[in-house]
């Protein structure tokens, strides 16, 4: 007997509106990551630094997920605030 394991995966919205919203979110993550890097430099306690690094890693993974969702967007467009 073969048991098939299937996951219910949510289909990502790739509409123009979703693209626009994801770019805004991506840019906000980028700003937060920069702020966190500055905070890490100022943080004295290793536990605080580790926590911030862990959060930054999660945000970087989310940024990668968004870039993978819209592969036609050029790298320079992701951080361009003029759009």
N, C-alpha and C. Protein backbone atom coordinates (compact mmCIF):
# COMPACT_ATOMS: atom_id res chain seq x y z
N UNK A 1 0.84 -1.18 0.00
CA UNK A 1 0.00 0.00 0.00
C UNK A 1 0.88 1.24 0.00
N UNK A 2 0.63 2.12 -0.93
CA UNK A 2 1.40 3.36 -1.03
C UNK A 2 0.53 4.50 -0.51
N UNK A 3 1.10 5.22 0.43
CA UNK A 3 0.40 6.38 0.99
C UNK A 3 1.07 7.62 0.42
N UNK A 4 0.28 8.42 -0.21
CA UNK A 4 0.80 9.62 -0.82
C UNK A 4 0.66 10.78 0.16
N UNK A 5 1.75 11.45 0.40
CA UNK A 5 1.74 12.60 1.30
C UNK A 5 1.70 13.87 0.47
N UNK A 6 0.58 14.56 0.51
CA UNK A 6 0.45 15.81 -0.23
C UNK A 6 0.20 16.95 0.74
N UNK A 7 0.85 18.04 0.45
CA UNK A 7 0.65 19.24 1.27
C UNK A 7 -0.26 20.19 0.53
N UNK A 8 -1.10 20.83 1.25
CA UNK A 8 -1.92 21.87 0.65
C UNK A 8 -1.07 23.14 0.61
N UNK A 9 -0.58 23.45 -0.57
CA UNK A 9 0.24 24.64 -0.71
C UNK A 9 -0.62 25.77 -1.26
N UNK A 10 -0.46 26.92 -0.63
CA UNK A 10 -1.20 28.09 -1.06
C UNK A 10 -0.57 28.64 -2.33
N UNK A 11 -1.36 28.84 -3.33
CA UNK A 11 -0.88 29.42 -4.58
C UNK A 11 -0.65 30.91 -4.34
N UNK A 12 0.56 31.36 -4.63
CA UNK A 12 0.91 32.76 -4.41
C UNK A 12 0.26 33.65 -5.48
N UNK A 13 -0.20 34.81 -5.06
CA UNK A 13 -0.79 35.80 -5.96
C UNK A 13 0.34 36.52 -6.69
N UNK A 14 0.36 36.45 -8.01
CA UNK A 14 1.41 37.08 -8.80
C UNK A 14 0.86 38.23 -9.65
N UNK A 15 -0.27 38.79 -9.25
CA UNK A 15 -0.88 39.89 -9.99
C UNK A 15 -0.01 41.15 -9.87
N UNK A 16 -0.31 42.14 -10.70
CA UNK A 16 0.43 43.41 -10.64
C UNK A 16 0.26 44.08 -9.27
N UNK A 17 -0.94 44.01 -8.72
CA UNK A 17 -1.16 44.61 -7.40
C UNK A 17 -0.34 43.88 -6.34
N UNK A 18 -0.31 42.56 -6.41
CA UNK A 18 0.48 41.78 -5.47
C UNK A 18 1.97 42.11 -5.64
N UNK A 19 2.40 42.24 -6.87
CA UNK A 19 3.79 42.58 -7.16
C UNK A 19 4.15 43.92 -6.51
N UNK A 20 3.28 44.90 -6.69
CA UNK A 20 3.51 46.23 -6.10
C UNK A 20 3.57 46.14 -4.58
N UNK A 21 2.62 45.42 -3.98
CA UNK A 21 2.59 45.28 -2.53
C UNK A 21 3.82 44.54 -2.00
N UNK A 22 4.24 43.51 -2.72
CA UNK A 22 5.42 42.76 -2.31
C UNK A 22 6.68 43.61 -2.40
N UNK A 23 6.76 44.47 -3.41
CA UNK A 23 7.93 45.35 -3.53
C UNK A 23 7.98 46.34 -2.37
N UNK A 24 6.84 46.87 -1.97
CA UNK A 24 6.79 47.79 -0.83
C UNK A 24 7.24 47.04 0.43
N UNK A 25 6.72 45.85 0.62
CA UNK A 25 7.08 45.03 1.78
C UNK A 25 8.57 44.69 1.75
N UNK A 26 9.09 44.31 0.57
CA UNK A 26 10.50 43.96 0.42
C UNK A 26 11.38 45.14 0.84
N UNK A 27 11.02 46.33 0.37
CA UNK A 27 11.80 47.52 0.70
C UNK A 27 11.73 47.85 2.19
N UNK A 28 10.57 47.61 2.80
CA UNK A 28 10.47 47.86 4.25
C UNK A 28 11.34 46.86 5.01
N UNK A 29 11.39 45.61 4.53
CA UNK A 29 12.28 44.63 5.16
C UNK A 29 13.74 45.07 5.02
N UNK A 30 14.08 45.59 3.86
CA UNK A 30 15.45 46.05 3.64
C UNK A 30 15.83 47.15 4.63
N UNK A 31 14.92 48.08 4.86
CA UNK A 31 15.18 49.16 5.81
C UNK A 31 15.32 48.61 7.23
N UNK A 32 14.45 47.70 7.60
CA UNK A 32 14.52 47.11 8.93
C UNK A 32 15.84 46.37 9.12
N UNK A 33 16.29 45.66 8.10
CA UNK A 33 17.56 44.92 8.18
C UNK A 33 18.72 45.89 8.39
N UNK A 34 18.72 47.00 7.68
CA UNK A 34 19.78 48.01 7.86
C UNK A 34 19.75 48.55 9.28
N UNK A 35 18.56 48.86 9.78
CA UNK A 35 18.43 49.35 11.16
C UNK A 35 18.93 48.31 12.17
N UNK A 36 18.63 47.05 11.92
CA UNK A 36 19.05 45.99 12.83
C UNK A 36 20.57 45.82 12.81
N UNK A 37 21.17 45.96 11.64
CA UNK A 37 22.64 45.87 11.55
C UNK A 37 23.27 46.96 12.40
N UNK A 38 22.71 48.16 12.36
CA UNK A 38 23.21 49.25 13.20
C UNK A 38 23.00 48.95 14.68
N UNK A 39 21.86 48.36 14.99
CA UNK A 39 21.55 48.01 16.37
C UNK A 39 22.50 46.93 16.88
N UNK A 40 22.87 45.99 16.02
CA UNK A 40 23.80 44.92 16.40
C UNK A 40 25.16 45.52 16.77
N UNK A 41 25.59 46.51 15.98
CA UNK A 41 26.87 47.16 16.26
C UNK A 41 26.87 47.84 17.62
N UNK A 42 25.71 48.35 18.03
CA UNK A 42 25.61 49.05 19.30
C UNK A 42 25.30 48.12 20.47
N UNK A 43 24.74 46.95 20.18
CA UNK A 43 24.34 46.02 21.25
C UNK A 43 25.58 45.46 21.94
N UNK A 44 25.49 45.37 23.25
CA UNK A 44 26.61 44.84 24.01
C UNK A 44 26.46 43.37 24.33
N UNK A 45 25.25 42.98 24.63
CA UNK A 45 25.02 41.59 25.07
C UNK A 45 24.95 40.63 23.90
N UNK A 46 25.67 39.52 24.00
CA UNK A 46 25.65 38.51 22.94
C UNK A 46 24.24 37.96 22.67
N UNK A 47 23.44 37.82 23.70
CA UNK A 47 22.08 37.28 23.52
C UNK A 47 21.24 38.21 22.65
N UNK A 48 21.41 39.50 22.83
CA UNK A 48 20.67 40.47 22.02
C UNK A 48 21.14 40.41 20.57
N UNK A 49 22.47 40.33 20.39
CA UNK A 49 23.02 40.24 19.05
C UNK A 49 22.51 38.98 18.34
N UNK A 50 22.52 37.85 19.03
CA UNK A 50 22.05 36.59 18.45
C UNK A 50 20.59 36.68 18.05
N UNK A 51 19.78 37.31 18.92
CA UNK A 51 18.36 37.46 18.62
C UNK A 51 18.16 38.32 17.37
N UNK A 52 18.88 39.42 17.27
CA UNK A 52 18.76 40.30 16.11
C UNK A 52 19.22 39.60 14.84
N UNK A 53 20.31 38.85 14.93
CA UNK A 53 20.82 38.12 13.78
C UNK A 53 19.81 37.08 13.32
N UNK A 54 19.18 36.40 14.27
CA UNK A 54 18.16 35.40 13.94
C UNK A 54 16.98 36.05 13.21
N UNK A 55 16.55 37.21 13.69
CA UNK A 55 15.44 37.92 13.04
C UNK A 55 15.84 38.39 11.65
N UNK A 56 17.08 38.88 11.50
CA UNK A 56 17.55 39.32 10.19
C UNK A 56 17.60 38.14 9.22
N UNK A 57 18.03 36.99 9.68
CA UNK A 57 18.08 35.80 8.82
C UNK A 57 16.67 35.45 8.31
N UNK A 58 15.69 35.53 9.19
CA UNK A 58 14.31 35.24 8.80
C UNK A 58 13.82 36.25 7.76
N UNK A 59 14.17 37.51 7.94
CA UNK A 59 13.77 38.55 6.99
C UNK A 59 14.46 38.36 5.65
N UNK A 60 15.73 37.96 5.68
CA UNK A 60 16.45 37.69 4.43
C UNK A 60 15.80 36.53 3.67
N UNK A 61 15.35 35.51 4.38
CA UNK A 61 14.66 34.39 3.74
C UNK A 61 13.35 34.86 3.11
N UNK A 62 12.66 35.77 3.79
CA UNK A 62 11.41 36.30 3.25
C UNK A 62 11.69 37.14 2.00
N UNK A 63 12.77 37.93 2.05
CA UNK A 63 13.14 38.72 0.87
C UNK A 63 13.46 37.79 -0.31
N UNK A 64 14.16 36.70 -0.06
CA UNK A 64 14.49 35.74 -1.11
C UNK A 64 13.21 35.12 -1.68
N UNK A 65 12.27 34.78 -0.79
CA UNK A 65 11.00 34.21 -1.23
C UNK A 65 10.27 35.18 -2.17
N UNK A 66 10.29 36.45 -1.82
CA UNK A 66 9.63 37.46 -2.65
C UNK A 66 10.34 37.61 -3.99
N UNK A 67 11.68 37.66 -3.97
CA UNK A 67 12.43 37.75 -5.24
C UNK A 67 12.15 36.54 -6.13
N UNK A 68 12.07 35.36 -5.52
CA UNK A 68 11.78 34.14 -6.28
C UNK A 68 10.36 34.15 -6.84
N UNK A 69 9.46 34.81 -6.15
CA UNK A 69 8.07 34.90 -6.59
C UNK A 69 7.93 35.76 -7.85
N UNK A 70 8.80 36.75 -7.98
CA UNK A 70 8.78 37.67 -9.13
C UNK A 70 10.17 37.71 -9.78
N UNK A 71 10.54 36.64 -10.45
CA UNK A 71 11.91 36.54 -11.00
C UNK A 71 12.21 37.51 -12.15
N UNK A 72 11.19 38.10 -12.74
CA UNK A 72 11.42 39.01 -13.87
C UNK A 72 11.87 40.40 -13.42
N UNK A 73 11.74 40.68 -12.14
CA UNK A 73 12.17 41.99 -11.63
C UNK A 73 13.68 41.98 -11.49
N UNK A 74 14.32 43.00 -12.04
CA UNK A 74 15.77 43.10 -11.99
C UNK A 74 16.24 43.45 -10.57
N UNK A 75 17.45 43.02 -10.24
CA UNK A 75 18.00 43.25 -8.90
C UNK A 75 17.97 44.73 -8.51
N UNK A 76 18.33 45.62 -9.44
CA UNK A 76 18.39 47.04 -9.09
C UNK A 76 17.00 47.63 -8.81
N UNK A 77 15.96 47.00 -9.32
CA UNK A 77 14.59 47.49 -9.08
C UNK A 77 14.13 47.22 -7.64
N UNK A 78 14.64 46.17 -7.04
CA UNK A 78 14.17 45.80 -5.70
C UNK A 78 14.41 46.90 -4.68
N UNK A 79 15.55 47.56 -4.75
CA UNK A 79 15.87 48.57 -3.75
C UNK A 79 15.73 49.98 -4.26
N UNK A 80 15.11 50.14 -5.41
CA UNK A 80 14.89 51.45 -6.00
C UNK A 80 13.61 52.05 -5.44
N UNK A 81 13.75 53.13 -4.68
CA UNK A 81 12.57 53.76 -4.05
C UNK A 81 11.84 54.75 -4.95
N UNK A 82 12.25 54.87 -6.20
CA UNK A 82 11.61 55.86 -7.07
C UNK A 82 10.36 55.33 -7.75
N UNK A 83 10.07 54.02 -7.65
CA UNK A 83 8.89 53.44 -8.30
C UNK A 83 7.67 53.60 -7.44
